Protein backbone atom coordinates (compact mmCIF):
# COMPACT_ATOMS: atom_id res chain seq x y z
CA MET A 1 -9.77 -43.25 -16.22
CA ARG A 2 -6.60 -43.99 -17.60
CA LEU A 3 -5.71 -47.00 -20.27
CA LYS A 4 -4.08 -48.76 -18.22
CA ARG A 5 -6.08 -49.52 -15.51
CA ASN A 6 -8.78 -50.67 -17.85
CA VAL A 7 -6.30 -53.15 -19.44
CA LEU A 8 -5.39 -54.36 -15.50
CA SER A 9 -8.23 -54.99 -13.92
CA VAL A 10 -9.27 -57.91 -15.77
CA THR A 11 -13.08 -58.14 -16.09
CA LEU A 12 -14.54 -59.82 -12.90
CA ALA A 13 -17.06 -62.58 -13.55
CA VAL A 14 -19.19 -63.67 -10.74
CA LEU A 15 -17.76 -66.12 -7.84
CA SER A 16 -20.65 -67.99 -6.65
CA GLY A 17 -21.19 -70.50 -4.04
CA ALA A 18 -22.77 -71.09 -0.08
CA VAL A 19 -22.55 -69.06 2.01
CA CYS A 20 -22.84 -68.77 5.97
CA LEU A 21 -24.92 -66.13 7.14
CA GLY A 22 -25.05 -66.28 10.46
CA ALA A 23 -27.56 -65.52 12.52
CA GLN A 24 -30.54 -64.10 10.56
CA GLU A 25 -33.66 -63.09 12.48
CA HIS A 26 -36.60 -63.26 10.88
CA HIS A 27 -39.91 -61.35 10.85
CA HIS A 28 -41.94 -64.46 10.76
CA THR A 29 -39.72 -66.79 13.43
CA GLY A 30 -37.06 -64.82 15.69
CA ALA A 31 -35.15 -68.18 14.66
CA THR A 32 -31.26 -68.87 13.65
CA GLU A 33 -31.48 -69.25 9.81
CA ALA A 34 -28.38 -70.47 7.39
CA ALA A 35 -27.40 -71.18 4.42
CA PRO A 36 -25.02 -74.56 3.67
CA GLY A 37 -21.37 -74.11 3.50
CA GLY A 38 -19.01 -71.52 3.02
CA HIS A 39 -19.22 -67.90 5.01
CA LEU A 40 -20.04 -64.59 3.35
CA GLY A 41 -20.80 -62.49 6.78
CA GLN A 42 -23.44 -61.50 9.04
CA VAL A 43 -27.29 -60.45 6.96
CA SER A 44 -30.21 -60.31 8.05
CA PHE A 45 -32.77 -58.10 5.58
CA SER A 46 -36.54 -57.95 6.90
CA ASN A 47 -38.70 -58.64 4.55
CA SER A 48 -42.19 -59.60 4.30
CA CYS A 49 -41.99 -62.77 2.14
CA ALA A 50 -42.38 -66.37 3.74
CA PRO A 51 -40.16 -68.47 6.02
CA ALA A 52 -39.00 -70.52 3.26
CA ALA A 53 -37.60 -67.92 0.97
CA GLU A 54 -36.01 -66.29 4.46
CA ALA A 55 -32.75 -68.50 3.92
CA PRO A 56 -31.55 -67.79 0.05
CA LEU A 57 -33.28 -63.65 0.66
CA ASN A 58 -30.87 -63.47 2.68
CA GLN A 59 -27.73 -65.69 1.30
CA GLY A 60 -28.81 -63.30 -1.86
CA VAL A 61 -28.18 -60.04 -0.60
CA ALA A 62 -24.93 -61.38 1.02
CA LEU A 63 -23.58 -62.48 -2.60
CA LEU A 64 -24.58 -59.15 -3.48
CA HIS A 65 -22.95 -57.12 -0.98
CA SER A 66 -19.79 -59.01 -2.68
CA PHE A 67 -19.97 -58.30 -6.00
CA GLN A 68 -21.21 -62.44 -6.49
CA TYR A 69 -24.05 -61.52 -8.70
CA GLU A 70 -23.96 -64.49 -10.78
CA ALA A 71 -24.75 -66.10 -7.30
CA SER A 72 -26.71 -63.58 -6.22
CA ASP A 73 -28.76 -64.29 -9.18
CA LEU A 74 -29.28 -67.42 -8.50
CA ALA A 75 -29.93 -66.87 -4.63
CA PHE A 76 -32.79 -64.49 -5.72
CA LYS A 77 -34.20 -66.50 -7.74
CA ARG A 78 -34.65 -69.85 -5.20
CA ALA A 79 -36.33 -67.24 -2.26
CA ALA A 80 -38.74 -66.99 -5.81
CA ALA A 81 -39.16 -70.38 -5.92
CA GLN A 82 -39.86 -71.29 -2.37
CA ASP A 83 -42.27 -67.94 -2.26
CA PRO A 84 -43.68 -66.75 -6.67
CA ASP A 85 -45.14 -63.27 -5.07
CA CYS A 86 -41.66 -61.89 -2.49
CA ALA A 87 -41.66 -58.89 -4.55
CA ILE A 88 -38.48 -57.87 -2.82
CA ALA A 89 -37.12 -61.21 -4.43
CA TYR A 90 -37.26 -60.52 -7.78
CA TRP A 91 -35.72 -55.79 -7.28
CA GLY A 92 -32.61 -58.85 -6.46
CA GLN A 93 -33.01 -60.56 -9.22
CA ALA A 94 -32.47 -56.65 -11.04
CA MET A 95 -30.36 -55.49 -9.12
CA THR A 96 -27.51 -58.29 -9.79
CA LEU A 97 -28.08 -57.01 -13.22
CA TRP A 98 -26.07 -53.60 -12.44
CA HIS A 99 -22.35 -53.75 -11.64
CA GLY A 100 -21.20 -49.93 -10.89
CA LEU A 101 -17.94 -50.13 -9.84
CA TRP A 102 -16.60 -52.85 -12.78
CA GLU A 103 -18.15 -51.64 -15.58
CA ARG A 104 -22.07 -49.88 -16.87
CA PRO A 105 -24.86 -52.56 -17.55
CA GLN A 106 -25.69 -52.25 -21.21
CA ALA A 107 -29.56 -52.02 -23.63
CA ALA A 108 -30.19 -56.12 -22.93
CA SER A 109 -29.49 -55.81 -19.05
CA LEU A 110 -31.31 -52.60 -18.52
CA ALA A 111 -34.39 -54.29 -20.14
CA THR A 112 -34.23 -57.86 -18.18
CA GLY A 113 -33.89 -55.24 -15.06
CA HIS A 114 -36.65 -53.01 -16.17
CA ASP A 115 -38.75 -55.92 -16.32
CA GLU A 116 -37.44 -58.10 -12.94
CA VAL A 117 -38.37 -53.95 -11.26
CA GLN A 118 -41.62 -54.09 -13.03
CA LYS A 119 -42.32 -58.02 -11.75
CA ALA A 120 -40.97 -56.57 -8.23
CA GLU A 121 -43.89 -53.57 -8.12
CA SER A 122 -46.49 -55.58 -9.65
CA LEU A 123 -46.45 -58.02 -6.33
CA LYS A 124 -46.58 -55.02 -4.04
CA ALA A 125 -44.67 -55.64 -1.21
CA LYS A 126 -46.75 -55.40 1.91
CA THR A 127 -44.46 -53.50 3.64
CA ALA A 128 -43.30 -49.35 2.68
CA ARG A 129 -39.93 -50.76 3.69
CA GLU A 130 -39.20 -52.72 0.92
CA ARG A 131 -41.83 -51.05 -1.52
CA GLU A 132 -38.97 -48.06 -0.81
CA TYR A 133 -36.09 -50.82 -2.33
CA ILE A 134 -37.85 -51.49 -5.26
CA ALA A 135 -38.27 -47.92 -5.70
CA ALA A 136 -34.98 -47.41 -5.72
CA ALA A 137 -34.11 -50.14 -8.17
CA ALA A 138 -36.49 -48.41 -11.19
CA ALA A 139 -35.27 -44.89 -10.35
CA PHE A 140 -32.44 -47.11 -11.81
CA TYR A 141 -33.56 -49.01 -14.60
CA GLN A 142 -35.88 -46.57 -15.87
CA ASP A 143 -37.81 -47.10 -19.32
CA ASP A 144 -35.58 -44.24 -21.59
CA SER A 145 -33.08 -45.45 -23.66
CA LYS A 146 -31.94 -42.01 -24.23
CA LEU A 147 -31.41 -41.61 -19.93
CA GLU A 148 -28.09 -41.40 -19.55
CA TYR A 149 -25.85 -43.53 -16.68
CA ALA A 150 -24.98 -40.68 -14.64
CA ALA A 151 -29.04 -39.90 -14.22
CA ARG A 152 -30.15 -43.08 -13.21
CA ALA A 153 -27.63 -43.59 -11.01
CA MET A 154 -28.09 -40.26 -9.30
CA ALA A 155 -31.69 -40.81 -9.82
CA TYR A 156 -30.67 -44.26 -7.53
CA SER A 157 -29.21 -42.94 -5.17
CA LYS A 158 -31.76 -40.09 -4.35
CA ALA A 159 -33.78 -42.11 -3.93
CA MET A 160 -31.99 -45.10 -1.83
CA GLY A 161 -30.95 -42.15 0.38
CA GLN A 162 -34.13 -41.62 1.49
CA VAL A 163 -34.72 -45.42 2.33
CA HIS A 164 -31.46 -44.97 4.49
CA GLN A 165 -33.01 -42.04 6.55
CA HIS A 166 -36.12 -43.65 6.27
CA TYR A 167 -35.01 -46.83 8.30
CA LEU A 168 -31.43 -45.84 10.12
CA GLU A 169 -31.34 -49.07 11.61
CA ASP A 170 -31.19 -50.47 8.34
CA GLY A 171 -27.50 -52.03 8.25
CA ASP A 172 -28.50 -53.05 3.91
CA ALA A 173 -29.77 -49.28 3.29
CA ALA A 174 -27.05 -47.88 5.04
CA ALA A 175 -24.81 -50.13 2.18
CA PHE A 176 -26.57 -49.70 0.27
CA TYR A 177 -26.79 -46.44 -0.18
CA ALA A 178 -22.58 -45.88 0.52
CA LEU A 179 -21.82 -48.13 -2.33
CA SER A 180 -24.05 -45.55 -4.60
CA LEU A 181 -22.26 -42.58 -3.72
CA ILE A 182 -19.33 -43.86 -4.09
CA ASP A 183 -20.13 -45.21 -8.41
CA LEU A 184 -21.84 -41.73 -8.80
CA PRO A 185 -19.50 -40.20 -11.70
CA ALA A 186 -17.94 -37.53 -10.61
CA HIS A 187 -14.09 -36.08 -10.28
CA GLY A 188 -12.76 -33.88 -8.15
CA ALA A 189 -13.76 -32.45 -5.30
CA ALA A 190 -17.43 -33.90 -6.09
CA ASP A 191 -15.71 -37.27 -5.80
CA LEU A 192 -13.71 -37.14 -2.60
CA ALA A 193 -16.96 -35.47 -1.04
CA ASN A 194 -19.02 -38.94 -1.99
CA ARG A 195 -16.20 -41.18 -0.67
CA GLU A 196 -15.88 -38.94 2.84
CA ASN A 197 -19.96 -39.10 3.11
CA ALA A 198 -19.79 -43.06 1.92
CA ILE A 199 -16.82 -44.05 4.73
CA ALA A 200 -18.30 -41.69 7.13
CA ILE A 201 -22.18 -44.13 6.88
CA LEU A 202 -19.86 -47.23 6.27
CA ASN A 203 -17.69 -46.49 9.62
CA THR A 204 -20.76 -46.15 11.42
CA LEU A 205 -21.86 -50.01 10.12
CA PHE A 206 -19.26 -51.34 11.07
CA ALA A 207 -19.36 -50.29 14.21
CA ALA A 208 -21.93 -51.28 14.48
CA GLU A 209 -21.94 -54.37 12.87
CA PRO A 210 -18.04 -55.58 12.03
CA ASP A 211 -19.45 -58.67 10.20
CA HIS A 212 -21.63 -57.22 7.69
CA PRO A 213 -19.82 -57.97 4.26
CA GLY A 214 -20.74 -54.41 2.95
CA ALA A 215 -19.97 -52.07 5.35
CA ALA A 216 -15.90 -53.61 4.60
CA HIS A 217 -15.91 -54.46 1.50
CA TYR A 218 -17.66 -50.71 0.54
CA LEU A 219 -14.58 -48.77 2.66
CA ILE A 220 -12.68 -50.90 0.71
CA HIS A 221 -13.75 -49.19 -2.70
CA ALA A 222 -14.91 -45.67 -1.37
CA CYS A 223 -11.02 -45.22 0.79
CA ASP A 224 -9.64 -47.41 -2.77
CA THR A 225 -7.61 -43.51 -3.73
CA PRO A 226 -3.97 -42.76 -2.46
CA GLU A 227 -5.53 -39.98 -0.11
CA LEU A 228 -7.34 -42.21 1.71
CA ALA A 229 -6.64 -45.48 1.47
CA SER A 230 -5.32 -45.25 4.99
CA GLN A 231 -8.97 -44.92 6.28
CA GLY A 232 -9.52 -48.37 5.21
CA LEU A 233 -6.91 -50.45 6.66
CA ASP A 234 -8.90 -52.05 9.50
CA ALA A 235 -12.16 -53.01 6.56
CA ALA A 236 -9.07 -54.64 4.59
CA ARG A 237 -7.22 -56.23 7.52
CA ARG A 238 -11.60 -57.80 8.14
CA TYR A 239 -13.01 -58.06 4.99
CA ALA A 240 -11.15 -61.83 4.30
CA LYS A 241 -12.01 -62.80 7.86
CA ILE A 242 -16.12 -62.06 6.87
CA ALA A 243 -15.87 -63.27 4.08
CA PRO A 244 -12.94 -66.28 3.80
CA ASP A 245 -14.06 -68.25 1.13
CA SER A 246 -15.57 -65.66 -1.22
CA ALA A 247 -12.17 -65.40 -3.88
CA HIS A 248 -13.95 -61.73 -4.36
CA ALA A 249 -13.18 -61.05 0.01
CA LEU A 250 -9.62 -62.47 0.10
CA HIS A 251 -8.55 -59.57 -3.15
CA MET A 252 -10.28 -56.70 -1.96
CA PRO A 253 -7.76 -55.89 0.84
CA SER A 254 -5.09 -56.14 -2.03
CA HIS A 255 -6.37 -52.70 -2.97
CA ILE A 256 -5.72 -51.06 0.30
CA PHE A 257 -2.18 -53.08 0.46
CA THR A 258 -1.30 -51.91 -2.69
CA ARG A 259 -2.14 -48.26 -2.64
CA LEU A 260 -0.02 -48.34 1.07
CA GLY A 261 2.58 -50.11 -0.51
CA LEU A 262 2.02 -53.37 1.71
CA TRP A 263 3.62 -55.56 -0.65
CA GLN A 264 3.71 -58.92 1.54
CA GLU A 265 0.34 -58.38 2.79
CA SER A 266 -0.65 -58.59 -0.91
CA ILE A 267 1.12 -61.39 -1.91
CA ALA A 268 -0.41 -63.04 0.52
CA SER A 269 -4.40 -61.68 0.02
CA ASN A 270 -3.97 -62.81 -3.70
CA ILE A 271 -2.40 -65.69 -3.12
CA ALA A 272 -5.68 -66.55 -1.29
CA SER A 273 -7.56 -65.77 -3.66
CA ALA A 274 -6.47 -66.43 -6.91
CA ALA A 275 -6.19 -70.33 -5.05
CA ALA A 276 -10.38 -69.92 -3.38
CA ALA A 277 -11.15 -68.92 -7.54
CA ALA A 278 -9.80 -71.47 -8.64
CA GLU A 279 -10.67 -73.96 -6.60
CA ALA A 280 -14.41 -72.56 -7.57
CA THR A 281 -13.95 -72.51 -11.42
CA LYS A 282 -13.04 -75.79 -11.51
CA MET A 283 -16.33 -77.07 -8.68
CA HIS A 284 -18.47 -74.81 -11.42
CA LEU A 285 -19.01 -72.10 -8.82
CA GLY A 286 -17.31 -69.39 -10.58
CA ASP A 287 -15.25 -68.77 -13.54
CA GLU A 288 -11.54 -67.34 -14.16
CA HIS A 289 -12.36 -63.72 -14.39
CA TYR A 290 -11.70 -63.31 -9.63
CA GLN A 291 -8.15 -65.00 -10.56
CA LEU A 292 -6.43 -63.47 -13.52
CA HIS A 293 -7.62 -60.21 -11.57
CA ALA A 294 -5.78 -61.19 -8.13
CA MET A 295 -2.88 -62.82 -10.51
CA THR A 296 -3.03 -58.98 -11.87
CA PHE A 297 -2.48 -57.64 -8.15
CA LEU A 298 0.20 -60.44 -7.04
CA GLU A 299 2.48 -59.77 -10.88
CA TYR A 300 2.70 -56.61 -9.50
CA ALA A 301 3.20 -56.58 -5.91
CA TYR A 302 5.94 -59.08 -6.56
CA LEU A 303 7.58 -57.43 -9.37
CA GLN A 304 8.19 -54.10 -6.33
CA ILE A 305 10.46 -56.27 -3.99
CA GLY A 306 11.75 -57.62 -6.75
CA GLN A 307 11.01 -60.92 -7.31
CA ASN A 308 11.03 -61.03 -10.60
CA ALA A 309 10.83 -64.99 -11.09
CA ALA A 310 8.08 -65.16 -9.17
CA ALA A 311 6.31 -62.27 -11.11
CA GLN A 312 7.72 -64.24 -14.11
CA GLN A 313 6.45 -67.42 -12.64
CA VAL A 314 2.84 -65.06 -12.56
CA ILE A 315 1.95 -64.71 -16.40
CA ASP A 316 3.11 -68.41 -16.94
CA ASP A 317 0.50 -69.08 -14.67
CA VAL A 318 -1.62 -67.84 -17.13
CA THR A 319 -2.00 -70.94 -19.30
CA SER A 320 -3.03 -73.25 -16.36
CA VAL A 321 -6.38 -71.12 -15.26
CA PRO A 322 -9.10 -73.10 -15.46
CA GLY A 323 -11.83 -72.00 -17.71
CA VAL A 324 -9.59 -69.57 -19.52
CA THR A 325 -9.61 -68.69 -23.60
CA THR A 326 -7.49 -68.89 -25.31
CA GLY A 327 -8.21 -64.66 -26.01
CA GLU A 328 -7.85 -64.32 -22.51
CA ILE A 329 -4.64 -65.82 -22.43
CA GLU A 330 -2.98 -63.37 -24.99
CA HIS A 331 -4.60 -60.64 -23.32
CA THR A 332 -3.90 -60.58 -19.95
CA GLN A 333 -0.37 -62.30 -20.71
CA ALA A 334 0.39 -58.92 -22.48
CA ALA A 335 -0.56 -56.74 -20.24
CA PHE A 336 1.03 -58.35 -17.93
CA ARG A 337 4.56 -58.76 -20.36
CA ALA A 338 4.02 -54.53 -20.60
CA THR A 339 3.78 -54.62 -16.69
CA TYR A 340 7.10 -56.82 -16.01
CA ALA A 341 9.23 -54.90 -19.17
CA LEU A 342 8.68 -51.79 -17.95
CA GLU A 343 8.70 -52.32 -13.95
CA THR A 344 11.82 -54.03 -14.75
CA HIS A 345 13.45 -51.20 -16.30
CA ASP A 346 14.42 -54.17 -19.66
CA TRP A 347 13.44 -50.91 -22.95
CA LYS A 348 14.65 -53.72 -24.93
CA MET A 349 12.21 -55.74 -24.08
CA ALA A 350 9.60 -53.39 -23.68
CA ALA A 351 10.32 -52.46 -27.08
CA ALA A 352 9.70 -55.84 -28.75
CA LEU A 353 6.76 -56.97 -27.37
CA GLU A 354 3.82 -58.10 -29.56
CA PRO A 355 0.55 -56.36 -29.08
CA PRO A 356 -2.34 -59.23 -29.17
CA SER A 357 -4.82 -59.64 -31.13
CA GLY A 358 -8.81 -58.19 -30.81
CA ALA A 359 -10.18 -54.15 -30.31
CA PRO A 360 -7.64 -51.37 -29.43
CA GLY A 361 -8.53 -51.18 -26.32
CA VAL A 362 -6.69 -54.43 -25.21
CA GLN A 363 -4.00 -53.54 -27.91
CA GLN A 364 -3.36 -49.75 -26.33
CA MET A 365 -1.08 -50.55 -22.83
CA THR A 366 1.28 -53.21 -25.04
CA TRP A 367 1.34 -49.79 -27.72
CA TRP A 368 2.29 -47.74 -24.68
CA ALA A 369 4.60 -50.20 -23.16
CA ARG A 370 7.02 -50.47 -26.81
CA ALA A 371 7.02 -46.86 -26.95
CA ILE A 372 8.25 -45.68 -23.38
CA GLY A 373 10.96 -49.04 -24.27
CA ALA A 374 11.69 -48.37 -28.08
CA ALA A 375 12.12 -43.89 -27.04
CA ARG A 376 14.54 -44.68 -23.91
CA SER A 377 16.42 -47.59 -25.82
CA GLY A 378 17.35 -45.49 -28.46
CA ASP A 379 14.69 -46.87 -31.38
CA VAL A 380 13.77 -43.24 -32.07
CA ALA A 381 12.01 -45.00 -35.49
CA GLY A 382 9.81 -47.33 -33.61
CA ALA A 383 9.14 -45.09 -31.20
CA ARG A 384 7.33 -42.75 -33.34
CA SER A 385 5.80 -45.39 -35.08
CA ASP A 386 4.45 -46.70 -32.14
CA VAL A 387 3.67 -43.21 -31.11
CA ASP A 388 0.82 -43.29 -33.95
CA LYS A 389 -0.45 -47.08 -32.75
CA LEU A 390 -0.73 -45.93 -29.27
CA ALA A 391 -3.20 -42.87 -30.66
CA GLY A 392 -5.22 -44.81 -32.74
CA ALA A 393 -5.69 -47.13 -30.61
CA THR A 394 -6.66 -45.07 -27.97
CA ALA A 395 -9.21 -43.24 -29.98
CA ALA A 396 -10.78 -46.04 -31.66
CA ALA A 397 -11.49 -47.03 -27.68
CA HIS A 398 -12.75 -43.50 -26.46
CA ALA A 399 -14.89 -44.20 -29.40
CA GLN A 400 -16.66 -47.91 -28.45
CA SER A 401 -16.67 -46.41 -24.32
CA LYS A 402 -18.62 -43.48 -25.35
CA LYS A 403 -20.50 -46.22 -26.63
CA GLU A 404 -21.18 -47.98 -23.93
CA GLY A 405 -21.95 -44.56 -22.31
CA TYR A 406 -18.81 -43.39 -20.21
CA ASP A 407 -17.49 -40.28 -19.96
CA VAL A 408 -14.14 -39.88 -22.42
CA SER A 409 -12.18 -37.06 -21.57
CA GLY A 410 -11.32 -34.77 -25.15
CA GLU A 411 -8.26 -34.46 -23.62
CA LYS A 412 -4.42 -37.31 -24.78
CA SER A 413 -4.83 -39.58 -22.79
CA ILE A 414 -2.07 -39.45 -19.45
CA ASP A 415 -0.67 -42.89 -21.30
CA GLN A 416 0.02 -40.57 -24.97
CA LEU A 417 1.65 -38.12 -23.00
CA GLU A 418 3.66 -40.01 -21.60
CA ALA A 419 4.78 -41.87 -24.64
CA GLU A 420 5.49 -38.17 -26.59
CA ALA A 421 7.46 -36.74 -23.73
CA TRP A 422 9.92 -40.83 -23.94
CA LEU A 423 9.73 -39.54 -27.73
CA ALA A 424 10.54 -36.00 -27.52
CA TRP A 425 13.36 -36.80 -25.35
CA ALA A 426 14.27 -39.85 -27.56
CA GLU A 427 14.87 -36.91 -30.54
CA GLY A 428 17.20 -35.22 -28.41
CA ARG A 429 14.24 -32.35 -27.53
CA HIS A 430 14.67 -32.44 -23.97
CA ASP A 431 13.39 -29.49 -23.61
CA ASP A 432 9.98 -30.37 -25.25
CA GLY A 433 9.84 -33.84 -23.30
CA LEU A 434 10.53 -32.62 -19.84
CA ALA A 435 7.11 -30.23 -19.98
CA THR A 436 5.21 -32.89 -22.18
CA LEU A 437 6.28 -35.56 -19.21
CA ARG A 438 6.00 -32.60 -16.66
CA ALA A 439 1.97 -31.81 -17.67
CA ALA A 440 1.14 -35.60 -17.57
CA ALA A 441 2.34 -35.78 -13.42
CA ASP A 442 0.61 -32.13 -12.94
CA ARG A 443 -2.73 -33.92 -14.55
CA GLU A 444 -2.43 -37.07 -13.15
CA ASP A 445 -1.71 -35.55 -9.38
CA ARG A 446 -5.41 -34.15 -10.33
CA GLU A 447 -7.03 -37.14 -11.95
CA GLY A 448 -5.61 -39.59 -9.34
CA VAL A 449 -2.89 -41.87 -9.45
CA ASP A 450 -4.18 -45.44 -10.78
CA SER A 451 -2.96 -48.21 -8.06
CA LEU A 452 -1.31 -50.53 -10.61
CA THR A 453 0.97 -47.98 -12.59
CA MET A 454 4.34 -46.42 -12.98
CA PRO A 455 3.34 -43.10 -12.45
CA ALA A 456 4.22 -39.97 -14.37
CA ARG A 457 5.88 -38.07 -11.72
CA GLU A 458 7.88 -40.91 -11.47
CA MET A 459 8.87 -41.14 -14.70
CA LEU A 460 9.06 -37.54 -14.83
CA GLY A 461 11.98 -37.80 -11.90
CA ASP A 462 13.90 -40.91 -14.13
CA MET A 463 14.13 -38.44 -16.63
CA LEU A 464 15.43 -35.27 -14.27
CA MET A 465 17.98 -38.00 -14.13
CA GLU A 466 19.03 -38.69 -17.33
CA SER A 467 19.09 -34.37 -17.52
CA ASN A 468 21.15 -34.81 -15.00
CA GLN A 469 18.98 -32.54 -12.70
CA PRO A 470 19.44 -34.88 -9.42
CA ALA A 471 17.85 -31.99 -6.71
CA ALA A 472 14.58 -31.83 -9.21
CA ALA A 473 14.31 -35.80 -9.40
CA VAL A 474 14.56 -36.53 -5.74
CA THR A 475 11.25 -34.35 -5.53
CA ALA A 476 9.46 -35.69 -8.52
CA TYR A 477 10.55 -38.76 -6.37
CA GLN A 478 9.50 -37.46 -3.40
CA THR A 479 6.05 -36.61 -4.10
CA ALA A 480 5.78 -39.66 -6.02
CA LEU A 481 5.66 -42.11 -3.44
CA LYS A 482 3.42 -39.91 -1.13
CA GLU A 483 0.79 -40.91 -3.54
CA SER A 484 2.15 -44.81 -4.24
CA PRO A 485 4.54 -45.59 -1.03
CA ASN A 486 7.08 -48.12 -1.18
CA ARG A 487 7.03 -48.88 -5.13
CA ARG A 488 10.80 -50.09 -5.80
CA ASP A 489 11.73 -47.84 -8.53
CA GLY A 490 10.78 -44.90 -5.78
CA VAL A 491 12.83 -45.51 -3.31
CA HIS A 492 15.70 -46.53 -5.44
CA GLY A 493 15.40 -43.65 -7.49
CA GLN A 494 14.89 -41.63 -4.65
CA GLU A 495 18.24 -43.04 -3.09
CA LEU A 496 20.23 -42.49 -6.46
CA ALA A 497 18.54 -38.85 -7.14
CA THR A 498 19.65 -38.40 -2.97
CA ARG A 499 23.53 -39.16 -3.60
CA ALA A 500 23.84 -37.13 -7.03
CA ALA A 501 22.81 -34.83 -5.65
CA GLY A 502 24.83 -34.36 -2.25
CA GLN A 503 21.62 -34.07 -0.03
CA PRO A 504 21.86 -36.38 2.98
CA ALA A 505 19.72 -40.29 2.45
CA ALA A 506 16.37 -39.74 2.94
CA ARG A 507 14.29 -42.74 5.64
CA SER A 508 11.64 -45.58 3.73
CA THR A 509 10.27 -47.81 4.23
CA PRO A 510 12.04 -51.05 3.42
CA SER A 511 10.62 -52.88 0.34
CA GLY A 512 7.87 -55.37 1.27
CA GLY A 513 7.56 -54.11 5.15
CA SER A 514 4.48 -52.55 7.02
CA LYS A 515 3.46 -49.11 8.05
């Protein structure tokens, strides 16, 4: 995982809130039940609990499908209060502690999740289906401090796959199994195979239950890669309509819009998400992280259509986010300013960025931007110093990540290679610079280009232009635009390189347009 993704993807917290679950057929009464307020899609989670627990159980599952973990936990607790013998309510509480696509659960969460699963098991759910759900959670929350995350995730996925096969009509089982495939630690072909398997399952569910929140949400996550993004466009355009009162549902479509270069749709998505998140925070139904995350995508989209003043306003608006702490303001604005400086090619601004205080992990992006900015503005000594500081910050961050159970490559980071390439260029070692940047681009192509970054292949195009190789630059820009469509710098660079090479003008989608 690239360091820029770690910094830019501000850790999401939970947006609480009530939801309307639509028609919910309960095995006791067959009555229609609805939770008060809002909309979060249609969920009908069959259970053997008391009828009074039905509404909060469905609400908890619906919230769980939209990653609103804190609110989901409260709903499952309400279900347990209505029926203390409702085993599946404790399964739900355990599942809200596992934020698979966001972060790895640490020791305290694993211990609490284990306790909740034990409580669920002790109550001996009345149906085989519920017992299988609980057994799948138990496979993840095994009481073994030495068991690595990958083994837990694999055990859970295998168990959830069995639940799915045993109950093919169960849309929630299909959704949770597909999500487990996306979350499996895998790279390259293995990751692609897992995603494609998940997409097949979710497409079937989406066709059968078009208002199921997990179907649309998880399809977006499964398709959040350059080669798969187009397959998630329908789900992206549906999810916000399925769950219009969820800040996360309003934001998630922009993952696909960003992958496809649909900047205006991304802007609209994140403006709506930020507003919903701010309102929820003011009502004590959520916190600031959803809004900050939406603002990350919003700034990036504004920069891609040349609305720099609007992007700067996003940076300024961080200070007025409800509930934001002083540390969050500093760290978020530092990341936003680095993005702004590099995307606008203001190399002197980038070179002068102030790293935020705190852990090395939050400083990495600043040192990376400073190193490139210093090198590209001719400050060789400054670039050399910043390259060294980037290496130190990255090493410290990697050590912390290993402690938290993340897989960390022993290879030099792509960002480090980019910084070193531009330093070599500034020092006059042009061949070394090109070779290093080409190696960074090749590796990024293999590992996947992050959706909120300046691609290494695009940087290679810039460096090739600097070295008066416009024909080679055209090829680099074209390759970069295939994985990061409609990026402003890539489109502009390709136009300049094409003219310089005397080639016919390339046809491209206007920035911010639809495809």
